[in-house]
Amino acid sequence: MTTSELPDVREQRPFGYWLRHIDGAIEQCMARLFAADALSRRGWQVLNTVACGPLTTAEVDETMAPFLTADEPTMRPYLDALAARGWVRIGEEAVVALTEDGRAAHLRISTQVAALRERLTACVTPEEFATLMTLLRRIGAHLDTLTEAA
């Protein structure tokens, strides 16, 4: 097979390319959205997690496990930053809950995030998006079994 017979990788990008490309584009859009609040995407994810109800810091880490790394083994710095802003309270037994200011911030920002998500997915129908999410969950679960077996 000659070079001219090979598929043009610029036209036929692999699965991983599109995942990284999409994540990078989302990261840029989110950074612009959160700039006014001096909030990072990860900070938003932690705030949004806590908004589901009081959780321990360990439960926040468990929920955010896909984002934990050797360099960032816990979400505690994000919780501490949110506490310093007065958006969360870290109480006894490391239970984290939103404050009134945190609820107001979460409501305001979640409205902006919902609008951004609509813009990000405007190129597909709701049915296509539902199918995409089903497929991504299925691939994610499959990859989990492959990494557990390794």
N, C-alpha and C. Protein backbone atom coordinates (compact mmCIF):
# COMPACT_ATOMS: atom_id res chain seq x y z
N MET A 1 0.85 -1.18 0.00
CA MET A 1 0.00 0.00 0.00
C MET A 1 0.89 1.23 0.00
N THR A 2 0.62 2.13 -0.89
CA THR A 2 1.41 3.35 -0.99
C THR A 2 0.79 4.43 -0.12
N THR A 3 1.57 5.48 0.10
CA THR A 3 1.10 6.61 0.91
C THR A 3 -0.17 7.21 0.32
N SER A 4 -0.27 7.24 -0.99
CA SER A 4 -1.45 7.83 -1.62
C SER A 4 -2.70 6.97 -1.41
N GLU A 5 -2.54 5.69 -1.05
CA GLU A 5 -3.68 4.81 -0.81
C GLU A 5 -4.16 4.86 0.63
N LEU A 6 -3.38 5.44 1.52
CA LEU A 6 -3.76 5.52 2.92
C LEU A 6 -4.84 6.58 3.12
N PRO A 7 -5.75 6.36 4.06
CA PRO A 7 -6.77 7.39 4.31
C PRO A 7 -6.12 8.65 4.86
N ASP A 8 -6.68 9.78 4.49
CA ASP A 8 -6.18 11.07 4.97
C ASP A 8 -6.64 11.24 6.42
N VAL A 9 -5.72 11.17 7.37
CA VAL A 9 -6.09 11.26 8.78
C VAL A 9 -6.69 12.61 9.14
N ARG A 10 -6.46 13.61 8.31
CA ARG A 10 -7.07 14.91 8.56
C ARG A 10 -8.56 14.89 8.26
N GLU A 11 -8.99 13.95 7.44
CA GLU A 11 -10.40 13.83 7.11
C GLU A 11 -11.10 12.74 7.91
N GLN A 12 -10.36 11.72 8.28
CA GLN A 12 -10.94 10.59 9.00
C GLN A 12 -10.30 10.49 10.38
N ARG A 13 -10.63 11.45 11.22
CA ARG A 13 -10.06 11.47 12.57
C ARG A 13 -10.60 10.32 13.40
N PRO A 14 -9.76 9.72 14.24
CA PRO A 14 -10.23 8.62 15.09
C PRO A 14 -11.09 9.13 16.25
N PHE A 15 -11.75 8.21 16.89
CA PHE A 15 -12.64 8.46 18.01
C PHE A 15 -12.00 9.35 19.08
N GLY A 16 -10.79 8.99 19.50
CA GLY A 16 -10.09 9.75 20.55
C GLY A 16 -9.83 11.19 20.17
N TYR A 17 -9.56 11.43 18.90
CA TYR A 17 -9.36 12.80 18.44
C TYR A 17 -10.60 13.63 18.71
N TRP A 18 -11.76 13.10 18.31
CA TRP A 18 -12.99 13.87 18.47
C TRP A 18 -13.34 14.09 19.93
N LEU A 19 -13.07 13.10 20.77
CA LEU A 19 -13.32 13.29 22.20
C LEU A 19 -12.46 14.43 22.75
N ARG A 20 -11.19 14.43 22.41
CA ARG A 20 -10.29 15.50 22.88
C ARG A 20 -10.67 16.85 22.29
N HIS A 21 -10.99 16.85 21.00
CA HIS A 21 -11.37 18.09 20.32
C HIS A 21 -12.62 18.70 20.98
N ILE A 22 -13.62 17.87 21.19
CA ILE A 22 -14.87 18.34 21.80
C ILE A 22 -14.63 18.81 23.22
N ASP A 23 -13.86 18.05 23.99
CA ASP A 23 -13.59 18.45 25.37
C ASP A 23 -12.83 19.77 25.41
N GLY A 24 -11.86 19.95 24.51
CA GLY A 24 -11.12 21.21 24.47
C GLY A 24 -12.01 22.39 24.11
N ALA A 25 -12.91 22.18 23.16
CA ALA A 25 -13.83 23.25 22.77
C ALA A 25 -14.79 23.58 23.91
N ILE A 26 -15.28 22.55 24.60
CA ILE A 26 -16.15 22.79 25.76
C ILE A 26 -15.39 23.54 26.83
N GLU A 27 -14.14 23.15 27.07
CA GLU A 27 -13.31 23.81 28.08
C GLU A 27 -13.18 25.30 27.77
N GLN A 28 -12.94 25.65 26.52
CA GLN A 28 -12.81 27.06 26.13
C GLN A 28 -14.12 27.81 26.32
N CYS A 29 -15.22 27.21 25.92
CA CYS A 29 -16.53 27.86 26.09
C CYS A 29 -16.85 28.06 27.56
N MET A 30 -16.59 27.04 28.36
CA MET A 30 -16.86 27.12 29.80
C MET A 30 -15.96 28.17 30.45
N ALA A 31 -14.70 28.23 30.05
CA ALA A 31 -13.78 29.21 30.63
C ALA A 31 -14.30 30.63 30.41
N ARG A 32 -14.79 30.89 29.21
CA ARG A 32 -15.37 32.22 28.94
C ARG A 32 -16.60 32.46 29.79
N LEU A 33 -17.45 31.44 29.91
CA LEU A 33 -18.67 31.58 30.69
C LEU A 33 -18.37 31.84 32.17
N PHE A 34 -17.39 31.13 32.73
CA PHE A 34 -17.09 31.22 34.15
C PHE A 34 -16.16 32.36 34.52
N ALA A 35 -15.59 33.04 33.53
CA ALA A 35 -14.60 34.10 33.79
C ALA A 35 -15.16 35.19 34.71
N ALA A 36 -16.40 35.58 34.49
CA ALA A 36 -17.00 36.65 35.31
C ALA A 36 -17.07 36.27 36.79
N ASP A 37 -17.13 34.97 37.06
CA ASP A 37 -17.19 34.50 38.45
C ASP A 37 -15.85 33.99 38.95
N ALA A 38 -14.80 34.15 38.14
CA ALA A 38 -13.47 33.64 38.49
C ALA A 38 -13.57 32.18 38.95
N LEU A 39 -14.30 31.40 38.16
CA LEU A 39 -14.55 30.00 38.47
C LEU A 39 -14.00 29.15 37.34
N SER A 40 -13.44 28.01 37.67
CA SER A 40 -12.96 27.08 36.64
C SER A 40 -14.06 26.07 36.35
N ARG A 41 -13.88 25.34 35.26
CA ARG A 41 -14.85 24.29 34.94
C ARG A 41 -14.92 23.27 36.08
N ARG A 42 -13.78 22.90 36.61
CA ARG A 42 -13.76 21.93 37.70
C ARG A 42 -14.43 22.51 38.94
N GLY A 43 -14.18 23.78 39.22
CA GLY A 43 -14.85 24.43 40.34
C GLY A 43 -16.35 24.41 40.18
N TRP A 44 -16.81 24.65 38.95
CA TRP A 44 -18.25 24.57 38.67
C TRP A 44 -18.76 23.15 38.90
N GLN A 45 -18.03 22.15 38.43
CA GLN A 45 -18.46 20.77 38.59
C GLN A 45 -18.59 20.41 40.08
N VAL A 46 -17.67 20.90 40.88
CA VAL A 46 -17.74 20.63 42.32
C VAL A 46 -18.94 21.36 42.92
N LEU A 47 -19.13 22.63 42.57
CA LEU A 47 -20.29 23.38 43.07
C LEU A 47 -21.59 22.68 42.66
N ASN A 48 -21.67 22.25 41.43
CA ASN A 48 -22.86 21.57 40.92
C ASN A 48 -23.10 20.25 41.65
N THR A 49 -22.04 19.55 41.99
CA THR A 49 -22.14 18.29 42.73
C THR A 49 -22.70 18.55 44.13
N VAL A 50 -22.17 19.56 44.80
CA VAL A 50 -22.63 19.89 46.15
C VAL A 50 -24.08 20.36 46.13
N ALA A 51 -24.49 20.98 45.03
CA ALA A 51 -25.87 21.47 44.91
C ALA A 51 -26.89 20.33 44.94
N CYS A 52 -26.45 19.11 44.70
CA CYS A 52 -27.37 17.96 44.73
C CYS A 52 -27.83 17.63 46.15
N GLY A 53 -27.15 18.14 47.14
CA GLY A 53 -27.51 17.89 48.52
C GLY A 53 -26.26 17.79 49.36
N PRO A 54 -26.38 17.92 50.64
CA PRO A 54 -25.19 17.82 51.48
C PRO A 54 -24.45 16.50 51.24
N LEU A 55 -23.14 16.62 51.08
CA LEU A 55 -22.27 15.46 50.83
C LEU A 55 -21.03 15.61 51.69
N THR A 56 -20.42 14.50 51.99
CA THR A 56 -19.12 14.57 52.66
C THR A 56 -18.06 14.89 51.60
N THR A 57 -16.91 15.33 52.05
CA THR A 57 -15.82 15.60 51.10
C THR A 57 -15.45 14.30 50.37
N ALA A 58 -15.53 13.17 51.06
CA ALA A 58 -15.23 11.87 50.42
C ALA A 58 -16.25 11.56 49.33
N GLU A 59 -17.52 11.89 49.55
CA GLU A 59 -18.55 11.66 48.53
C GLU A 59 -18.35 12.58 47.34
N VAL A 60 -17.89 13.78 47.59
CA VAL A 60 -17.57 14.68 46.47
C VAL A 60 -16.45 14.05 45.64
N ASP A 61 -15.40 13.58 46.31
CA ASP A 61 -14.30 12.93 45.59
C ASP A 61 -14.78 11.71 44.82
N GLU A 62 -15.65 10.92 45.43
CA GLU A 62 -16.18 9.73 44.76
C GLU A 62 -16.96 10.12 43.50
N THR A 63 -17.78 11.15 43.62
CA THR A 63 -18.56 11.63 42.48
C THR A 63 -17.64 12.15 41.38
N MET A 64 -16.57 12.82 41.78
CA MET A 64 -15.65 13.44 40.83
C MET A 64 -14.48 12.53 40.47
N ALA A 65 -14.56 11.26 40.82
CA ALA A 65 -13.45 10.32 40.61
C ALA A 65 -12.86 10.33 39.20
N PRO A 66 -13.67 10.46 38.14
CA PRO A 66 -13.06 10.46 36.81
C PRO A 66 -12.09 11.63 36.58
N PHE A 67 -12.17 12.65 37.42
CA PHE A 67 -11.33 13.84 37.24
C PHE A 67 -10.14 13.86 38.20
N LEU A 68 -10.07 12.90 39.10
CA LEU A 68 -8.95 12.85 40.05
C LEU A 68 -7.72 12.30 39.34
N THR A 69 -6.58 12.87 39.69
CA THR A 69 -5.31 12.44 39.10
C THR A 69 -4.26 12.38 40.20
N ALA A 70 -3.07 11.93 39.85
CA ALA A 70 -1.98 11.91 40.82
C ALA A 70 -1.66 13.33 41.28
N ASP A 71 -1.75 14.28 40.37
CA ASP A 71 -1.50 15.68 40.72
C ASP A 71 -2.66 16.32 41.47
N GLU A 72 -3.85 15.79 41.28
CA GLU A 72 -5.05 16.34 41.91
C GLU A 72 -5.87 15.17 42.48
N PRO A 73 -5.41 14.60 43.61
CA PRO A 73 -6.04 13.38 44.15
C PRO A 73 -7.34 13.64 44.92
N THR A 74 -7.72 14.90 45.10
CA THR A 74 -8.93 15.23 45.83
C THR A 74 -9.50 16.55 45.29
N MET A 75 -10.77 16.72 45.50
CA MET A 75 -11.43 17.97 45.12
C MET A 75 -11.44 18.96 46.28
N ARG A 76 -10.79 18.62 47.37
CA ARG A 76 -10.80 19.47 48.56
C ARG A 76 -10.34 20.90 48.27
N PRO A 77 -9.31 21.14 47.46
CA PRO A 77 -8.93 22.53 47.18
C PRO A 77 -10.08 23.34 46.54
N TYR A 78 -10.87 22.70 45.71
CA TYR A 78 -12.02 23.38 45.10
C TYR A 78 -13.08 23.67 46.16
N LEU A 79 -13.30 22.71 47.05
CA LEU A 79 -14.25 22.93 48.14
C LEU A 79 -13.79 24.06 49.04
N ASP A 80 -12.50 24.07 49.35
CA ASP A 80 -11.97 25.14 50.20
C ASP A 80 -12.12 26.51 49.52
N ALA A 81 -11.89 26.55 48.20
CA ALA A 81 -12.05 27.82 47.47
C ALA A 81 -13.51 28.27 47.47
N LEU A 82 -14.42 27.33 47.31
CA LEU A 82 -15.85 27.67 47.36
C LEU A 82 -16.25 28.11 48.76
N ALA A 83 -15.66 27.50 49.77
CA ALA A 83 -15.93 27.91 51.16
C ALA A 83 -15.39 29.31 51.41
N ALA A 84 -14.23 29.62 50.87
CA ALA A 84 -13.63 30.94 51.05
C ALA A 84 -14.51 32.02 50.39
N ARG A 85 -15.22 31.66 49.35
CA ARG A 85 -16.13 32.59 48.68
C ARG A 85 -17.47 32.71 49.42
N GLY A 86 -17.68 31.81 50.37
CA GLY A 86 -18.94 31.80 51.09
C GLY A 86 -20.04 31.05 50.36
N TRP A 87 -19.68 30.22 49.39
CA TRP A 87 -20.67 29.49 48.60
C TRP A 87 -20.98 28.12 49.19
N VAL A 88 -20.05 27.55 49.94
CA VAL A 88 -20.30 26.28 50.63
C VAL A 88 -19.83 26.41 52.07
N ARG A 89 -20.39 25.54 52.87
CA ARG A 89 -19.99 25.42 54.27
C ARG A 89 -19.51 23.99 54.47
N ILE A 90 -18.33 23.85 55.07
CA ILE A 90 -17.81 22.52 55.38
C ILE A 90 -17.98 22.36 56.88
N GLY A 91 -18.88 21.47 57.25
CA GLY A 91 -19.24 21.32 58.66
C GLY A 91 -18.59 20.12 59.31
N GLU A 92 -19.22 19.71 60.40
CA GLU A 92 -18.72 18.55 61.14
C GLU A 92 -18.70 17.32 60.26
N GLU A 93 -17.74 16.47 60.53
CA GLU A 93 -17.56 15.23 59.77
C GLU A 93 -17.41 15.50 58.28
N ALA A 94 -16.89 16.67 57.94
CA ALA A 94 -16.57 17.07 56.56
C ALA A 94 -17.79 17.04 55.64
N VAL A 95 -18.95 17.38 56.19
CA VAL A 95 -20.16 17.47 55.37
C VAL A 95 -20.19 18.85 54.72
N VAL A 96 -20.38 18.85 53.40
CA VAL A 96 -20.36 20.08 52.62
C VAL A 96 -21.78 20.38 52.15
N ALA A 97 -22.19 21.64 52.31
CA ALA A 97 -23.52 22.06 51.85
C ALA A 97 -23.41 23.48 51.29
N LEU A 98 -24.32 23.80 50.37
CA LEU A 98 -24.38 25.15 49.84
C LEU A 98 -24.89 26.12 50.90
N THR A 99 -24.37 27.32 50.85
CA THR A 99 -24.90 28.41 51.66
C THR A 99 -25.98 29.12 50.83
N GLU A 100 -26.64 30.12 51.41
CA GLU A 100 -27.61 30.90 50.64
C GLU A 100 -26.94 31.55 49.44
N ASP A 101 -25.76 32.14 49.66
CA ASP A 101 -25.02 32.75 48.55
C ASP A 101 -24.65 31.69 47.50
N GLY A 102 -24.29 30.51 47.98
CA GLY A 102 -23.95 29.42 47.07
C GLY A 102 -25.14 28.96 46.24
N ARG A 103 -26.31 28.89 46.87
CA ARG A 103 -27.52 28.52 46.13
C ARG A 103 -27.84 29.56 45.05
N ALA A 104 -27.70 30.83 45.42
CA ALA A 104 -27.96 31.90 44.45
C ALA A 104 -26.96 31.84 43.30
N ALA A 105 -25.68 31.64 43.61
CA ALA A 105 -24.65 31.53 42.57
C ALA A 105 -24.90 30.31 41.70
N HIS A 106 -25.23 29.19 42.33
CA HIS A 106 -25.49 27.97 41.57
C HIS A 106 -26.67 28.17 40.62
N LEU A 107 -27.73 28.75 41.09
CA LEU A 107 -28.90 28.98 40.25
C LEU A 107 -28.55 29.87 39.06
N ARG A 108 -27.86 30.97 39.33
CA ARG A 108 -27.47 31.90 38.27
C ARG A 108 -26.57 31.23 37.25
N ILE A 109 -25.55 30.53 37.73
CA ILE A 109 -24.57 29.92 36.83
C ILE A 109 -25.18 28.73 36.11
N SER A 110 -26.00 27.94 36.80
CA SER A 110 -26.60 26.77 36.13
C SER A 110 -27.52 27.20 34.99
N THR A 111 -28.16 28.34 35.13
CA THR A 111 -28.98 28.88 34.04
C THR A 111 -28.10 29.21 32.84
N GLN A 112 -26.94 29.81 33.10
CA GLN A 112 -26.00 30.14 32.02
C GLN A 112 -25.44 28.87 31.38
N VAL A 113 -25.13 27.87 32.21
CA VAL A 113 -24.59 26.60 31.70
C VAL A 113 -25.63 25.90 30.82
N ALA A 114 -26.89 25.90 31.25
CA ALA A 114 -27.95 25.28 30.46
C ALA A 114 -28.07 25.95 29.09
N ALA A 115 -27.99 27.27 29.07
CA ALA A 115 -28.06 27.99 27.80
C ALA A 115 -26.86 27.65 26.91
N LEU A 116 -25.68 27.55 27.52
CA LEU A 116 -24.49 27.18 26.76
C LEU A 116 -24.62 25.76 26.21
N ARG A 117 -25.10 24.84 27.03
CA ARG A 117 -25.26 23.46 26.55
C ARG A 117 -26.22 23.40 25.37
N GLU A 118 -27.26 24.20 25.40
CA GLU A 118 -28.18 24.25 24.26
C GLU A 118 -27.45 24.72 23.01
N ARG A 119 -26.63 25.76 23.16
CA ARG A 119 -25.88 26.27 22.00
C ARG A 119 -24.87 25.23 21.50
N LEU A 120 -24.23 24.51 22.43
CA LEU A 120 -23.22 23.53 22.05
C LEU A 120 -23.82 22.36 21.28
N THR A 121 -25.07 22.03 21.56
CA THR A 121 -25.68 20.87 20.92
C THR A 121 -26.75 21.25 19.91
N ALA A 122 -26.79 22.50 19.52
CA ALA A 122 -27.81 22.96 18.57
C ALA A 122 -27.71 22.29 17.20
N CYS A 123 -26.58 21.68 16.92
CA CYS A 123 -26.37 21.07 15.61
C CYS A 123 -26.96 19.66 15.50
N VAL A 124 -27.51 19.15 16.61
CA VAL A 124 -28.14 17.82 16.58
C VAL A 124 -29.54 17.91 17.16
N THR A 125 -30.37 16.97 16.76
CA THR A 125 -31.73 16.94 17.30
C THR A 125 -31.69 16.38 18.72
N PRO A 126 -32.73 16.61 19.51
CA PRO A 126 -32.77 16.01 20.85
C PRO A 126 -32.66 14.47 20.79
N GLU A 127 -33.24 13.87 19.78
CA GLU A 127 -33.16 12.41 19.64
C GLU A 127 -31.73 11.96 19.34
N GLU A 128 -31.06 12.70 18.47
CA GLU A 128 -29.66 12.37 18.17
C GLU A 128 -28.79 12.54 19.41
N PHE A 129 -29.04 13.60 20.16
CA PHE A 129 -28.26 13.81 21.38
C PHE A 129 -28.50 12.68 22.38
N ALA A 130 -29.74 12.26 22.54
CA ALA A 130 -30.05 11.15 23.45
C ALA A 130 -29.33 9.88 23.00
N THR A 131 -29.32 9.63 21.69
CA THR A 131 -28.61 8.46 21.16
C THR A 131 -27.12 8.58 21.43
N LEU A 132 -26.56 9.76 21.19
CA LEU A 132 -25.14 9.99 21.44
C LEU A 132 -24.80 9.70 22.90
N MET A 133 -25.60 10.21 23.82
CA MET A 133 -25.33 9.99 25.25
C MET A 133 -25.43 8.51 25.61
N THR A 134 -26.41 7.81 25.04
CA THR A 134 -26.54 6.37 25.27
C THR A 134 -25.30 5.64 24.78
N LEU A 135 -24.84 5.99 23.59
CA LEU A 135 -23.65 5.35 23.03
C LEU A 135 -22.41 5.65 23.85
N LEU A 136 -22.24 6.90 24.26
CA LEU A 136 -21.06 7.25 25.07
C LEU A 136 -21.07 6.52 26.41
N ARG A 137 -22.25 6.42 27.05
CA ARG A 137 -22.34 5.66 28.31
C ARG A 137 -21.97 4.20 28.07
N ARG A 138 -22.46 3.64 26.97
CA ARG A 138 -22.17 2.24 26.67
C ARG A 138 -20.68 2.03 26.42
N ILE A 139 -20.08 2.92 25.65
CA ILE A 139 -18.64 2.81 25.39
C ILE A 139 -17.86 3.00 26.69
N GLY A 140 -18.27 3.97 27.50
CA GLY A 140 -17.60 4.18 28.79
C GLY A 140 -17.66 2.95 29.67
N ALA A 141 -18.83 2.33 29.77
CA ALA A 141 -18.97 1.11 30.59
C ALA A 141 -18.12 -0.01 30.02
N HIS A 142 -18.09 -0.14 28.71
CA HIS A 142 -17.27 -1.17 28.06
C HIS A 142 -15.79 -0.94 28.35
N LEU A 143 -15.35 0.31 28.23
CA LEU A 143 -13.95 0.61 28.50
C LEU A 143 -13.60 0.36 29.97
N ASP A 144 -14.55 0.60 30.86
CA ASP A 144 -14.33 0.30 32.28
C ASP A 144 -14.04 -1.19 32.46
N THR A 145 -14.79 -2.05 31.77
CA THR A 145 -14.54 -3.50 31.90
C THR A 145 -13.19 -3.88 31.31
N LEU A 146 -12.79 -3.19 30.24
CA LEU A 146 -11.48 -3.50 29.64
C LEU A 146 -10.34 -3.08 30.58
N THR A 147 -10.47 -1.90 31.22
CA THR A 147 -9.39 -1.45 32.10
C THR A 147 -9.37 -2.26 33.39
N GLU A 148 -10.52 -2.75 33.84
CA GLU A 148 -10.56 -3.59 35.04
C GLU A 148 -9.92 -4.94 34.77
N ALA A 149 -10.05 -5.44 33.55
CA ALA A 149 -9.50 -6.75 33.19
C ALA A 149 -7.99 -6.70 32.98
N ALA A 150 -7.48 -5.50 32.72
CA ALA A 150 -6.04 -5.38 32.42
C ALA A 150 -5.18 -5.48 33.64
